[in-house]
C-alpha cells in the first residue's frame, strides 16, 4: 500500500497540474518499507495496475487536518477538472510536511533533488 503524505506542485501557473506526490510504502504488517515520489501520471498508472490485479485501490491519502487517511480512487482523477483533485489538493506541501518532521525531532529530511 502507498500512503500519500505530501504534494510538490510546479511553480509556473501553466504547469500547476503537473505535480509529484510524496508517499510512504507500507507492507502488510503496517511497517514503512520505502519512501518516494511519483508524478501524477505514475500514481494513476499504479492505481489502474493494482485495480486490475485486486479490484481495489492500493493508495491512501493523509490530508491536512485529518485524523485518518482516505482511499484514493481512479474516479477521483476522472471526475475532477484538470486543476483539482480532492485528495492531492488537500495534502500538505513538501515544506509543510518537513516542518512536521522537524517538530518531531525525527532527523529525517524530505526534499526534491531534481
Protein backbone atom coordinates (compact mmCIF):
# COMPACT_ATOMS: atom_id res chain seq x y z
CA UNK A 1 0.00 0.00 0.00
CA UNK A 2 1.08 3.58 -0.65
CA UNK A 3 0.23 6.44 1.71
CA UNK A 4 0.39 9.88 0.08
CA UNK A 5 1.86 12.33 2.59
CA UNK A 6 2.81 15.47 0.64
CA UNK A 7 2.43 17.14 -2.73
CA UNK A 8 5.02 19.09 -4.68
CA UNK A 9 3.48 21.35 -7.33
CA UNK A 10 5.25 23.16 -10.13
CA UNK A 11 5.59 26.89 -9.52
CA UNK A 12 4.62 28.07 -13.01
CA UNK A 13 0.81 28.54 -13.39
CA UNK A 14 0.74 26.68 -16.73
CA UNK A 15 2.25 23.63 -15.03
CA UNK A 16 0.07 23.75 -11.91
CA UNK A 17 -1.49 20.38 -12.81
CA UNK A 18 1.99 18.84 -13.11
CA UNK A 19 2.73 17.68 -9.57
CA UNK A 20 4.54 14.94 -7.70
CA UNK A 21 3.10 13.01 -4.79
CA UNK A 22 5.42 12.01 -1.96
CA UNK A 23 4.45 8.73 -0.33
CA UNK A 24 5.34 6.08 2.20
CA UNK A 25 5.25 2.47 1.02
CA UNK A 26 3.70 0.29 3.72
CA UNK A 27 3.82 -3.51 3.89
CA UNK A 28 1.04 -5.86 5.03
CA UNK A 29 2.21 -5.58 8.65
CA UNK A 30 1.84 -1.78 8.64
CA UNK A 31 5.59 -1.13 8.56
CA UNK A 32 7.12 1.59 6.37
CA UNK A 33 9.36 -0.13 3.84
CA UNK A 34 10.02 2.75 1.45
CA UNK A 35 9.72 6.46 0.76
CA UNK A 36 9.42 8.01 -2.66
CA UNK A 37 7.78 10.45 -5.04
CA UNK A 38 5.72 9.79 -8.17
CA UNK A 39 4.38 12.06 -10.88
CA UNK A 40 0.59 12.29 -11.11
CA UNK A 41 0.61 10.06 -14.20
CA UNK A 42 2.60 7.39 -12.34
CA UNK A 43 0.10 7.44 -9.46
CA UNK A 44 -2.79 6.95 -11.91
CA UNK A 45 -0.88 4.13 -13.61
CA UNK A 46 -0.26 2.47 -10.22
CA UNK A 47 -3.96 2.78 -9.35
CA UNK A 48 -5.05 1.18 -12.65
CA UNK A 49 -2.49 -1.61 -12.37
CA UNK A 50 -3.49 -2.51 -8.82
CA UNK A 51 -7.19 -2.23 -9.62
CA UNK A 52 -6.73 -4.75 -12.46
CA UNK A 53 -4.94 -7.15 -10.10
CA UNK A 54 -7.02 -6.84 -6.93
CA UNK A 55 -10.16 -4.84 -7.75
CA UNK A 56 -9.33 -2.11 -5.24
CA UNK A 57 -7.09 0.90 -4.66
CA UNK A 58 -3.63 0.50 -3.20
CA UNK A 59 -3.35 4.25 -2.44
CA UNK A 60 -4.48 6.26 0.56
CA UNK A 61 -4.01 9.96 1.29
CA UNK A 62 -3.46 11.70 4.61
CA UNK A 63 -4.96 15.16 4.08
CA UNK A 64 -4.17 18.32 6.05
CA UNK A 65 -6.07 18.46 9.32
CA UNK A 66 -7.37 14.89 9.02
CA UNK A 67 -7.11 12.29 11.76
CA UNK A 68 -7.14 9.31 9.39
CA UNK A 69 -6.29 8.55 5.80
CA UNK A 70 -8.80 8.08 2.98
CA UNK A 71 -8.60 5.84 -0.10
CA UNK A 72 -7.61 7.36 -3.43
CA UNK A 73 -9.76 6.01 -6.26
CA UNK A 74 -9.46 6.19 -10.05
CA UNK A 75 -12.66 8.22 -10.31
CA UNK A 76 -11.01 10.96 -8.22
CA UNK A 77 -8.96 11.81 -11.31
CA UNK A 78 -11.77 11.38 -13.84
CA UNK A 79 -14.45 13.42 -12.08
CA UNK A 80 -12.33 16.48 -11.30
CA UNK A 81 -11.39 19.24 -13.71
CA UNK A 82 -7.75 19.40 -14.74
CA UNK A 83 -6.71 21.71 -11.88
CA UNK A 84 -8.35 19.85 -8.98
CA UNK A 85 -8.04 16.63 -7.09
CA UNK A 86 -9.93 16.03 -3.88
CA UNK A 87 -7.01 14.23 -2.26
CA UNK A 88 -3.76 15.67 -3.50
CA UNK A 89 -5.02 19.26 -3.44
CA UNK A 90 -5.51 18.81 0.30
CA UNK A 91 -2.16 17.22 1.06
CA UNK A 92 0.49 19.23 2.88
CA UNK A 93 3.21 20.72 0.72
CA UNK A 94 6.65 19.17 0.96
CA UNK A 95 7.80 22.11 3.15
CA UNK A 96 4.79 21.74 5.46
CA UNK A 97 5.46 18.03 5.85
CA UNK A 98 9.14 18.72 6.58
CA UNK A 99 8.06 21.19 9.31
CA UNK A 100 6.09 18.39 10.97
CA UNK A 101 9.12 16.09 10.83
CA UNK A 102 11.31 18.85 12.29
CA UNK A 103 8.90 19.41 15.17
CA UNK A 104 9.05 15.69 15.96
CA UNK A 105 12.88 15.86 16.03
CA UNK A 106 12.89 12.93 13.61
CA UNK A 107 16.21 13.77 11.91
CA UNK A 108 14.63 12.95 8.55
CA UNK A 109 14.74 15.37 5.66
CA UNK A 110 12.45 15.28 2.63
CA UNK A 111 13.48 17.47 -0.27
CA UNK A 112 13.27 17.48 -4.00
CA UNK A 113 16.54 16.73 -5.75
CA UNK A 114 15.53 17.28 -9.36
